[in-house]
mmCIF file of all heavy atoms, coordinates in Angstrom:
data_MODEL
# 
_entry.id   MODEL 
# 
loop_
_atom_site.group_PDB 
_atom_site.id 
_atom_site.type_symbol 
_atom_site.label_atom_id 
_atom_site.label_alt_id 
_atom_site.label_comp_id 
_atom_site.label_asym_id 
_atom_site.label_entity_id 
_atom_site.label_seq_id 
_atom_site.pdbx_PDB_ins_code 
_atom_site.Cartn_x 
_atom_site.Cartn_y 
_atom_site.Cartn_z 
_atom_site.occupancy 
_atom_site.B_iso_or_equiv 
_atom_site.pdbx_formal_charge 
_atom_site.auth_seq_id 
_atom_site.auth_comp_id 
_atom_site.auth_asym_id 
_atom_site.auth_atom_id 
_atom_site.pdbx_PDB_model_num 
ATOM 1   N N   . ILE A 1 1  ? 0.865   -1.177  -0.005  1.00 0.00 ? 1  ILE A N   1 
ATOM 2   C CA  . ILE A 1 1  ? 0.008   0.003   -0.004  1.00 0.00 ? 1  ILE A CA  1 
ATOM 3   C C   . ILE A 1 1  ? 0.901   1.230   -0.007  1.00 0.00 ? 1  ILE A C   1 
ATOM 4   O O   . ILE A 1 1  ? 2.012   1.199   0.514   1.00 0.00 ? 1  ILE A O   1 
ATOM 5   C CB  . ILE A 1 1  ? -0.970  0.030   1.202   1.00 0.00 ? 1  ILE A CB  1 
ATOM 6   C CG1 . ILE A 1 1  ? -0.191  -0.055  2.539   1.00 0.00 ? 1  ILE A CG1 1 
ATOM 7   C CG2 . ILE A 1 1  ? -1.982  -1.096  1.114   1.00 0.00 ? 1  ILE A CG2 1 
ATOM 8   C CD1 . ILE A 1 1  ? -1.053  0.072   3.773   1.00 0.00 ? 1  ILE A CD1 1 
ATOM 9   N N   . GLU A 1 2  ? 0.403   2.318   -0.583  1.00 0.00 ? 2  GLU A N   1 
ATOM 10  C CA  . GLU A 1 2  ? 1.250   3.506   -0.704  1.00 0.00 ? 2  GLU A CA  1 
ATOM 11  C C   . GLU A 1 2  ? 0.382   4.754   -0.851  1.00 0.00 ? 2  GLU A C   1 
ATOM 12  O O   . GLU A 1 2  ? -0.510  4.802   -1.682  1.00 0.00 ? 2  GLU A O   1 
ATOM 13  C CB  . GLU A 1 2  ? 2.169   3.389   -1.903  1.00 0.00 ? 2  GLU A CB  1 
ATOM 14  C CG  . GLU A 1 2  ? 3.222   4.468   -2.008  1.00 0.00 ? 2  GLU A CG  1 
ATOM 15  C CD  . GLU A 1 2  ? 4.336   4.320   -0.977  1.00 0.00 ? 2  GLU A CD  1 
ATOM 16  O OE1 . GLU A 1 2  ? 4.638   3.166   -0.600  1.00 0.00 ? 2  GLU A OE1 1 
ATOM 17  O OE2 . GLU A 1 2  ? 4.902   5.353   -0.562  1.00 0.00 ? 2  GLU A OE2 1 
ATOM 18  N N   . PHE A 1 3  ? 0.678   5.792   -0.025  1.00 0.00 ? 3  PHE A N   1 
ATOM 19  C CA  . PHE A 1 3  ? 0.089   7.092   -0.244  1.00 0.00 ? 3  PHE A CA  1 
ATOM 20  C C   . PHE A 1 3  ? 0.841   7.764   -1.395  1.00 0.00 ? 3  PHE A C   1 
ATOM 21  O O   . PHE A 1 3  ? 2.014   8.136   -1.236  1.00 0.00 ? 3  PHE A O   1 
ATOM 22  C CB  . PHE A 1 3  ? 0.177   7.970   1.010   1.00 0.00 ? 3  PHE A CB  1 
ATOM 23  C CG  . PHE A 1 3  ? -0.946  7.749   1.991   1.00 0.00 ? 3  PHE A CG  1 
ATOM 24  C CD1 . PHE A 1 3  ? -0.746  6.968   3.117   1.00 0.00 ? 3  PHE A CD1 1 
ATOM 25  C CD2 . PHE A 1 3  ? -2.174  8.343   1.779   1.00 0.00 ? 3  PHE A CD2 1 
ATOM 26  C CE1 . PHE A 1 3  ? -1.784  6.770   4.021   1.00 0.00 ? 3  PHE A CE1 1 
ATOM 27  C CE2 . PHE A 1 3  ? -3.207  8.154   2.678   1.00 0.00 ? 3  PHE A CE2 1 
ATOM 28  C CZ  . PHE A 1 3  ? -3.016  7.367   3.798   1.00 0.00 ? 3  PHE A CZ  1 
ATOM 29  N N   . VAL A 1 4  ? 0.207   7.929   -2.544  1.00 0.00 ? 4  VAL A N   1 
ATOM 30  C CA  . VAL A 1 4  ? 0.883   8.524   -3.691  1.00 0.00 ? 4  VAL A CA  1 
ATOM 31  C C   . VAL A 1 4  ? 0.711   10.044  -3.718  1.00 0.00 ? 4  VAL A C   1 
ATOM 32  O O   . VAL A 1 4  ? 1.462   10.768  -4.372  1.00 0.00 ? 4  VAL A O   1 
ATOM 33  C CB  . VAL A 1 4  ? 0.373   7.920   -5.016  1.00 0.00 ? 4  VAL A CB  1 
ATOM 34  C CG1 . VAL A 1 4  ? 0.780   6.459   -5.102  1.00 0.00 ? 4  VAL A CG1 1 
ATOM 35  C CG2 . VAL A 1 4  ? -1.116  8.065   -5.157  1.00 0.00 ? 4  VAL A CG2 1 
ATOM 36  N N   . THR A 1 5  ? -0.311  10.537  -3.041  1.00 0.00 ? 5  THR A N   1 
ATOM 37  C CA  . THR A 1 5  ? -0.443  11.969  -2.731  1.00 0.00 ? 5  THR A CA  1 
ATOM 38  C C   . THR A 1 5  ? -0.834  12.026  -1.266  1.00 0.00 ? 5  THR A C   1 
ATOM 39  O O   . THR A 1 5  ? -1.005  11.014  -0.613  1.00 0.00 ? 5  THR A O   1 
ATOM 40  C CB  . THR A 1 5  ? -1.515  12.653  -3.603  1.00 0.00 ? 5  THR A CB  1 
ATOM 41  O OG1 . THR A 1 5  ? -2.810  12.199  -3.205  1.00 0.00 ? 5  THR A OG1 1 
ATOM 42  C CG2 . THR A 1 5  ? -1.285  12.389  -5.075  1.00 0.00 ? 5  THR A CG2 1 
ATOM 43  N N   . ASN A 1 6  ? -0.985  13.236  -0.781  1.00 0.00 ? 6  ASN A N   1 
ATOM 44  C CA  . ASN A 1 6  ? -1.330  13.375  0.631   1.00 0.00 ? 6  ASN A CA  1 
ATOM 45  C C   . ASN A 1 6  ? -2.662  12.758  0.997   1.00 0.00 ? 6  ASN A C   1 
ATOM 46  O O   . ASN A 1 6  ? -2.872  12.306  2.122   1.00 0.00 ? 6  ASN A O   1 
ATOM 47  C CB  . ASN A 1 6  ? -1.349  14.858  1.023   1.00 0.00 ? 6  ASN A CB  1 
ATOM 48  C CG  . ASN A 1 6  ? -1.214  15.085  2.505   1.00 0.00 ? 6  ASN A CG  1 
ATOM 49  O OD1 . ASN A 1 6  ? -0.365  14.502  3.162   1.00 0.00 ? 6  ASN A OD1 1 
ATOM 50  N ND2 . ASN A 1 6  ? -2.059  15.936  3.038   1.00 0.00 ? 6  ASN A ND2 1 
ATOM 51  N N   . ASN A 1 7  ? -3.583  12.678  0.017   1.00 0.00 ? 7  ASN A N   1 
ATOM 52  C CA  . ASN A 1 7  ? -4.937  12.178  0.283   1.00 0.00 ? 7  ASN A CA  1 
ATOM 53  C C   . ASN A 1 7  ? -5.324  10.922  -0.492  1.00 0.00 ? 7  ASN A C   1 
ATOM 54  O O   . ASN A 1 7  ? -6.420  10.437  -0.329  1.00 0.00 ? 7  ASN A O   1 
ATOM 55  C CB  . ASN A 1 7  ? -5.958  13.295  -0.019  1.00 0.00 ? 7  ASN A CB  1 
ATOM 56  C CG  . ASN A 1 7  ? -5.715  14.549  0.774   1.00 0.00 ? 7  ASN A CG  1 
ATOM 57  O OD1 . ASN A 1 7  ? -5.402  14.483  1.968   1.00 0.00 ? 7  ASN A OD1 1 
ATOM 58  N ND2 . ASN A 1 7  ? -5.836  15.699  0.135   1.00 0.00 ? 7  ASN A ND2 1 
ATOM 59  N N   . THR A 1 8  ? -4.427  10.423  -1.338  1.00 0.00 ? 8  THR A N   1 
ATOM 60  C CA  . THR A 1 8  ? -4.755  9.279   -2.176  1.00 0.00 ? 8  THR A CA  1 
ATOM 61  C C   . THR A 1 8  ? -3.848  8.102   -1.869  1.00 0.00 ? 8  THR A C   1 
ATOM 62  O O   . THR A 1 8  ? -2.619  8.260   -1.864  1.00 0.00 ? 8  THR A O   1 
ATOM 63  C CB  . THR A 1 8  ? -4.641  9.631   -3.672  1.00 0.00 ? 8  THR A CB  1 
ATOM 64  O OG1 . THR A 1 8  ? -5.497  10.737  -3.957  1.00 0.00 ? 8  THR A OG1 1 
ATOM 65  C CG2 . THR A 1 8  ? -5.032  8.442   -4.532  1.00 0.00 ? 8  THR A CG2 1 
ATOM 66  N N   . LEU A 1 9  ? -4.451  6.956   -1.637  1.00 0.00 ? 9  LEU A N   1 
ATOM 67  C CA  . LEU A 1 9  ? -3.693  5.736   -1.375  1.00 0.00 ? 9  LEU A CA  1 
ATOM 68  C C   . LEU A 1 9  ? -4.005  4.686   -2.428  1.00 0.00 ? 9  LEU A C   1 
ATOM 69  O O   . LEU A 1 9  ? -5.153  4.476   -2.792  1.00 0.00 ? 9  LEU A O   1 
ATOM 70  C CB  . LEU A 1 9  ? -4.036  5.188   0.017   1.00 0.00 ? 9  LEU A CB  1 
ATOM 71  C CG  . LEU A 1 9  ? -3.310  3.890   0.411   1.00 0.00 ? 9  LEU A CG  1 
ATOM 72  C CD1 . LEU A 1 9  ? -2.683  4.006   1.787   1.00 0.00 ? 9  LEU A CD1 1 
ATOM 73  C CD2 . LEU A 1 9  ? -4.227  2.669   0.360   1.00 0.00 ? 9  LEU A CD2 1 
ATOM 74  N N   . PHE A 1 10 ? -2.962  4.048   -2.944  1.00 0.00 ? 10 PHE A N   1 
ATOM 75  C CA  . PHE A 1 10 ? -3.093  2.908   -3.840  1.00 0.00 ? 10 PHE A CA  1 
ATOM 76  C C   . PHE A 1 10 ? -2.787  1.633   -3.070  1.00 0.00 ? 10 PHE A C   1 
ATOM 77  O O   . PHE A 1 10 ? -1.837  1.584   -2.296  1.00 0.00 ? 10 PHE A O   1 
ATOM 78  C CB  . PHE A 1 10 ? -2.134  2.999   -5.026  1.00 0.00 ? 10 PHE A CB  1 
ATOM 79  C CG  . PHE A 1 10 ? -2.433  4.086   -6.010  1.00 0.00 ? 10 PHE A CG  1 
ATOM 80  C CD1 . PHE A 1 10 ? -1.494  4.448   -6.973  1.00 0.00 ? 10 PHE A CD1 1 
ATOM 81  C CD2 . PHE A 1 10 ? -3.650  4.751   -6.014  1.00 0.00 ? 10 PHE A CD2 1 
ATOM 82  C CE1 . PHE A 1 10 ? -1.770  5.433   -7.913  1.00 0.00 ? 10 PHE A CE1 1 
ATOM 83  C CE2 . PHE A 1 10 ? -3.924  5.742   -6.920  1.00 0.00 ? 10 PHE A CE2 1 
ATOM 84  C CZ  . PHE A 1 10 ? -2.995  6.081   -7.868  1.00 0.00 ? 10 PHE A CZ  1 
ATOM 85  N N   . ALA A 1 11 ? -3.595  0.606   -3.269  1.00 0.00 ? 11 ALA A N   1 
ATOM 86  C CA  . ALA A 1 11 ? -3.361  -0.703  -2.677  1.00 0.00 ? 11 ALA A CA  1 
ATOM 87  C C   . ALA A 1 11 ? -3.239  -1.733  -3.780  1.00 0.00 ? 11 ALA A C   1 
ATOM 88  O O   . ALA A 1 11 ? -4.084  -1.816  -4.673  1.00 0.00 ? 11 ALA A O   1 
ATOM 89  C CB  . ALA A 1 11 ? -4.502  -1.070  -1.720  1.00 0.00 ? 11 ALA A CB  1 
ATOM 90  N N   . PHE A 1 12 ? -2.162  -2.512  -3.737  1.00 0.00 ? 12 PHE A N   1 
ATOM 91  C CA  . PHE A 1 12 ? -1.871  -3.488  -4.782  1.00 0.00 ? 12 PHE A CA  1 
ATOM 92  C C   . PHE A 1 12 ? -2.105  -4.894  -4.251  1.00 0.00 ? 12 PHE A C   1 
ATOM 93  O O   . PHE A 1 12 ? -1.308  -5.390  -3.438  1.00 0.00 ? 12 PHE A O   1 
ATOM 94  C CB  . PHE A 1 12 ? -0.432  -3.325  -5.285  1.00 0.00 ? 12 PHE A CB  1 
ATOM 95  C CG  . PHE A 1 12 ? -0.136  -2.009  -5.919  1.00 0.00 ? 12 PHE A CG  1 
ATOM 96  C CD1 . PHE A 1 12 ? 0.237   -0.905  -5.143  1.00 0.00 ? 12 PHE A CD1 1 
ATOM 97  C CD2 . PHE A 1 12 ? -0.246  -1.836  -7.279  1.00 0.00 ? 12 PHE A CD2 1 
ATOM 98  C CE1 . PHE A 1 12 ? 0.489   0.308   -5.721  1.00 0.00 ? 12 PHE A CE1 1 
ATOM 99  C CE2 . PHE A 1 12 ? 0.033   -0.619  -7.888  1.00 0.00 ? 12 PHE A CE2 1 
ATOM 100 C CZ  . PHE A 1 12 ? 0.400   0.468   -7.101  1.00 0.00 ? 12 PHE A CZ  1 
ATOM 101 N N   . GLY A 1 13 ? -3.173  -5.530  -4.685  1.00 0.00 ? 13 GLY A N   1 
ATOM 102 C CA  . GLY A 1 13 ? -3.477  -6.896  -4.270  1.00 0.00 ? 13 GLY A CA  1 
ATOM 103 C C   . GLY A 1 13 ? -3.066  -7.890  -5.334  1.00 0.00 ? 13 GLY A C   1 
ATOM 104 O O   . GLY A 1 13 ? -2.694  -7.525  -6.456  1.00 0.00 ? 13 GLY A O   1 
ATOM 105 N N   . ASP A 1 14 ? -3.149  -9.175  -4.990  1.00 0.00 ? 14 ASP A N   1 
ATOM 106 C CA  . ASP A 1 14 ? -2.785  -10.220 -5.975  1.00 0.00 ? 14 ASP A CA  1 
ATOM 107 C C   . ASP A 1 14 ? -3.835  -10.398 -7.039  1.00 0.00 ? 14 ASP A C   1 
ATOM 108 O O   . ASP A 1 14 ? -3.541  -10.945 -8.106  1.00 0.00 ? 14 ASP A O   1 
ATOM 109 C CB  . ASP A 1 14 ? -2.502  -11.530 -5.251  1.00 0.00 ? 14 ASP A CB  1 
ATOM 110 C CG  . ASP A 1 14 ? -3.696  -12.019 -4.452  1.00 0.00 ? 14 ASP A CG  1 
ATOM 111 O OD1 . ASP A 1 14 ? -4.646  -11.249 -4.255  1.00 0.00 ? 14 ASP A OD1 1 
ATOM 112 O OD2 . ASP A 1 14 ? -3.677  -13.183 -4.013  1.00 0.00 ? 14 ASP A OD2 1 
ATOM 113 N N   . ASN A 1 15 ? -5.049  -9.915  -6.823  1.00 0.00 ? 15 ASN A N   1 
ATOM 114 C CA  . ASN A 1 15 ? -6.104  -10.049 -7.822  1.00 0.00 ? 15 ASN A CA  1 
ATOM 115 C C   . ASN A 1 15 ? -6.911  -8.774  -8.055  1.00 0.00 ? 15 ASN A C   1 
ATOM 116 O O   . ASN A 1 15 ? -7.894  -8.786  -8.792  1.00 0.00 ? 15 ASN A O   1 
ATOM 117 C CB  . ASN A 1 15 ? -7.031  -11.224 -7.504  1.00 0.00 ? 15 ASN A CB  1 
ATOM 118 C CG  . ASN A 1 15 ? -7.648  -11.084 -6.110  1.00 0.00 ? 15 ASN A CG  1 
ATOM 119 O OD1 . ASN A 1 15 ? -7.642  -10.005 -5.506  1.00 0.00 ? 15 ASN A OD1 1 
ATOM 120 N ND2 . ASN A 1 15 ? -8.133  -12.189 -5.588  1.00 0.00 ? 15 ASN A ND2 1 
ATOM 121 N N   . GLN A 1 16 ? -6.526  -7.697  -7.396  1.00 0.00 ? 16 GLN A N   1 
ATOM 122 C CA  . GLN A 1 16 ? -7.219  -6.436  -7.594  1.00 0.00 ? 16 GLN A CA  1 
ATOM 123 C C   . GLN A 1 16 ? -6.364  -5.274  -7.133  1.00 0.00 ? 16 GLN A C   1 
ATOM 124 O O   . GLN A 1 16 ? -5.481  -5.407  -6.271  1.00 0.00 ? 16 GLN A O   1 
ATOM 125 C CB  . GLN A 1 16 ? -8.575  -6.416  -6.907  1.00 0.00 ? 16 GLN A CB  1 
ATOM 126 C CG  . GLN A 1 16 ? -8.517  -6.552  -5.400  1.00 0.00 ? 16 GLN A CG  1 
ATOM 127 C CD  . GLN A 1 16 ? -9.918  -6.505  -4.773  1.00 0.00 ? 16 GLN A CD  1 
ATOM 128 O OE1 . GLN A 1 16 ? -10.751 -5.696  -5.155  1.00 0.00 ? 16 GLN A OE1 1 
ATOM 129 N NE2 . GLN A 1 16 ? -10.157 -7.376  -3.811  1.00 0.00 ? 16 GLN A NE2 1 
ATOM 130 N N   . LEU A 1 17 ? -6.629  -4.113  -7.724  1.00 0.00 ? 17 LEU A N   1 
ATOM 131 C CA  . LEU A 1 17 ? -6.017  -2.835  -7.330  1.00 0.00 ? 17 LEU A CA  1 
ATOM 132 C C   . LEU A 1 17 ? -7.105  -1.977  -6.716  1.00 0.00 ? 17 LEU A C   1 
ATOM 133 O O   . LEU A 1 17 ? -8.246  -1.965  -7.197  1.00 0.00 ? 17 LEU A O   1 
ATOM 134 C CB  . LEU A 1 17 ? -5.384  -2.132  -8.511  1.00 0.00 ? 17 LEU A CB  1 
ATOM 135 C CG  . LEU A 1 17 ? -4.421  -2.926  -9.393  1.00 0.00 ? 17 LEU A CG  1 
ATOM 136 C CD1 . LEU A 1 17 ? -3.946  -2.098  -10.571 1.00 0.00 ? 17 LEU A CD1 1 
ATOM 137 C CD2 . LEU A 1 17 ? -3.257  -3.444  -8.589  1.00 0.00 ? 17 LEU A CD2 1 
ATOM 138 N N   . LEU A 1 18 ? -6.768  -1.229  -5.675  1.00 0.00 ? 18 LEU A N   1 
ATOM 139 C CA  . LEU A 1 18 ? -7.738  -0.414  -4.959  1.00 0.00 ? 18 LEU A CA  1 
ATOM 140 C C   . LEU A 1 18 ? -7.247  1.020   -4.880  1.00 0.00 ? 18 LEU A C   1 
ATOM 141 O O   . LEU A 1 18 ? -6.026  1.274   -4.720  1.00 0.00 ? 18 LEU A O   1 
ATOM 142 C CB  . LEU A 1 18 ? -7.953  -0.945  -3.537  1.00 0.00 ? 18 LEU A CB  1 
ATOM 143 C CG  . LEU A 1 18 ? -8.395  -2.407  -3.440  1.00 0.00 ? 18 LEU A CG  1 
ATOM 144 C CD1 . LEU A 1 18 ? -8.223  -2.903  -2.017  1.00 0.00 ? 18 LEU A CD1 1 
ATOM 145 C CD2 . LEU A 1 18 ? -9.842  -2.547  -3.871  1.00 0.00 ? 18 LEU A CD2 1 
ATOM 146 N N   . VAL A 1 19 ? -8.170  1.964   -4.990  1.00 0.00 ? 19 VAL A N   1 
ATOM 147 C CA  . VAL A 1 19 ? -7.877  3.374   -4.848  1.00 0.00 ? 19 VAL A CA  1 
ATOM 148 C C   . VAL A 1 19 ? -8.699  3.955   -3.724  1.00 0.00 ? 19 VAL A C   1 
ATOM 149 O O   . VAL A 1 19 ? -9.937  3.816   -3.697  1.00 0.00 ? 19 VAL A O   1 
ATOM 150 C CB  . VAL A 1 19 ? -8.169  4.151   -6.151  1.00 0.00 ? 19 VAL A CB  1 
ATOM 151 C CG1 . VAL A 1 19 ? -7.827  5.629   -5.986  1.00 0.00 ? 19 VAL A CG1 1 
ATOM 152 C CG2 . VAL A 1 19 ? -7.373  3.569   -7.327  1.00 0.00 ? 19 VAL A CG2 1 
ATOM 153 N N   . PHE A 1 20 ? -8.040  4.586   -2.750  1.00 0.00 ? 20 PHE A N   1 
ATOM 154 C CA  . PHE A 1 20 ? -8.705  5.239   -1.630  1.00 0.00 ? 20 PHE A CA  1 
ATOM 155 C C   . PHE A 1 20 ? -8.414  6.729   -1.714  1.00 0.00 ? 20 PHE A C   1 
ATOM 156 O O   . PHE A 1 20 ? -7.333  7.157   -2.106  1.00 0.00 ? 20 PHE A O   1 
ATOM 157 C CB  . PHE A 1 20 ? -8.219  4.694   -0.286  1.00 0.00 ? 20 PHE A CB  1 
ATOM 158 C CG  . PHE A 1 20 ? -8.551  3.257   -0.044  1.00 0.00 ? 20 PHE A CG  1 
ATOM 159 C CD1 . PHE A 1 20 ? -7.715  2.264   -0.507  1.00 0.00 ? 20 PHE A CD1 1 
ATOM 160 C CD2 . PHE A 1 20 ? -9.699  2.911   0.652   1.00 0.00 ? 20 PHE A CD2 1 
ATOM 161 C CE1 . PHE A 1 20 ? -8.038  0.922   -0.290  1.00 0.00 ? 20 PHE A CE1 1 
ATOM 162 C CE2 . PHE A 1 20 ? -10.014 1.569   0.889   1.00 0.00 ? 20 PHE A CE2 1 
ATOM 163 C CZ  . PHE A 1 20 ? -9.171  0.567   0.404   1.00 0.00 ? 20 PHE A CZ  1 
ATOM 164 N N   . ASP A 1 21 ? -9.392  7.531   -1.295  1.00 0.00 ? 21 ASP A N   1 
ATOM 165 C CA  . ASP A 1 21 ? -9.208  8.977   -1.345  1.00 0.00 ? 21 ASP A CA  1 
ATOM 166 C C   . ASP A 1 21 ? -9.973  9.643   -0.214  1.00 0.00 ? 21 ASP A C   1 
ATOM 167 O O   . ASP A 1 21 ? -11.058 9.185   0.164   1.00 0.00 ? 21 ASP A O   1 
ATOM 168 C CB  . ASP A 1 21 ? -9.697  9.523   -2.698  1.00 0.00 ? 21 ASP A CB  1 
ATOM 169 C CG  . ASP A 1 21 ? -9.266  10.965  -2.896  1.00 0.00 ? 21 ASP A CG  1 
ATOM 170 O OD1 . ASP A 1 21 ? -8.054  11.207  -3.018  1.00 0.00 ? 21 ASP A OD1 1 
ATOM 171 O OD2 . ASP A 1 21 ? -10.154 11.839  -2.917  1.00 0.00 ? 21 ASP A OD2 1 
ATOM 172 N N   . GLY A 1 22 ? -9.386  10.705  0.328   1.00 0.00 ? 22 GLY A N   1 
ATOM 173 C CA  . GLY A 1 22 ? -10.050 11.454  1.406   1.00 0.00 ? 22 GLY A CA  1 
ATOM 174 C C   . GLY A 1 22 ? -9.071  12.278  2.190   1.00 0.00 ? 22 GLY A C   1 
ATOM 175 O O   . GLY A 1 22 ? -7.958  11.829  2.467   1.00 0.00 ? 22 GLY A O   1 
ATOM 176 N N   . THR A 1 23 ? -9.457  13.489  2.547   1.00 0.00 ? 23 THR A N   1 
ATOM 177 C CA  . THR A 1 23 ? -8.552  14.374  3.270   1.00 0.00 ? 23 THR A CA  1 
ATOM 178 C C   . THR A 1 23 ? -8.339  13.969  4.723   1.00 0.00 ? 23 THR A C   1 
ATOM 179 O O   . THR A 1 23 ? -7.257  14.115  5.261   1.00 0.00 ? 23 THR A O   1 
ATOM 180 C CB  . THR A 1 23 ? -9.071  15.817  3.239   1.00 0.00 ? 23 THR A CB  1 
ATOM 181 O OG1 . THR A 1 23 ? -10.399 15.850  3.769   1.00 0.00 ? 23 THR A OG1 1 
ATOM 182 C CG2 . THR A 1 23 ? -9.106  16.349  1.819   1.00 0.00 ? 23 THR A CG2 1 
ATOM 183 N N   . GLN A 1 24 ? -9.365  13.421  5.351   1.00 0.00 ? 24 GLN A N   1 
ATOM 184 C CA  . GLN A 1 24 ? -9.278  13.018  6.745   1.00 0.00 ? 24 GLN A CA  1 
ATOM 185 C C   . GLN A 1 24 ? -9.575  11.531  6.968   1.00 0.00 ? 24 GLN A C   1 
ATOM 186 O O   . GLN A 1 24 ? -8.875  10.842  7.680   1.00 0.00 ? 24 GLN A O   1 
ATOM 187 C CB  . GLN A 1 24 ? -10.220 13.863  7.617   1.00 0.00 ? 24 GLN A CB  1 
ATOM 188 C CG  . GLN A 1 24 ? -9.930  15.361  7.609   1.00 0.00 ? 24 GLN A CG  1 
ATOM 189 C CD  . GLN A 1 24 ? -8.609  15.708  8.244   1.00 0.00 ? 24 GLN A CD  1 
ATOM 190 O OE1 . GLN A 1 24 ? -8.045  14.964  9.019   1.00 0.00 ? 24 GLN A OE1 1 
ATOM 191 N NE2 . GLN A 1 24 ? -8.095  16.900  7.904   1.00 0.00 ? 24 GLN A NE2 1 
# 
């Protein structure tokens, strides 16, 4: 998992990719 910006996180799974976003 990695915060690529201050509010966006990418998660790399073995069968899916996930995008999370939010300031708080």
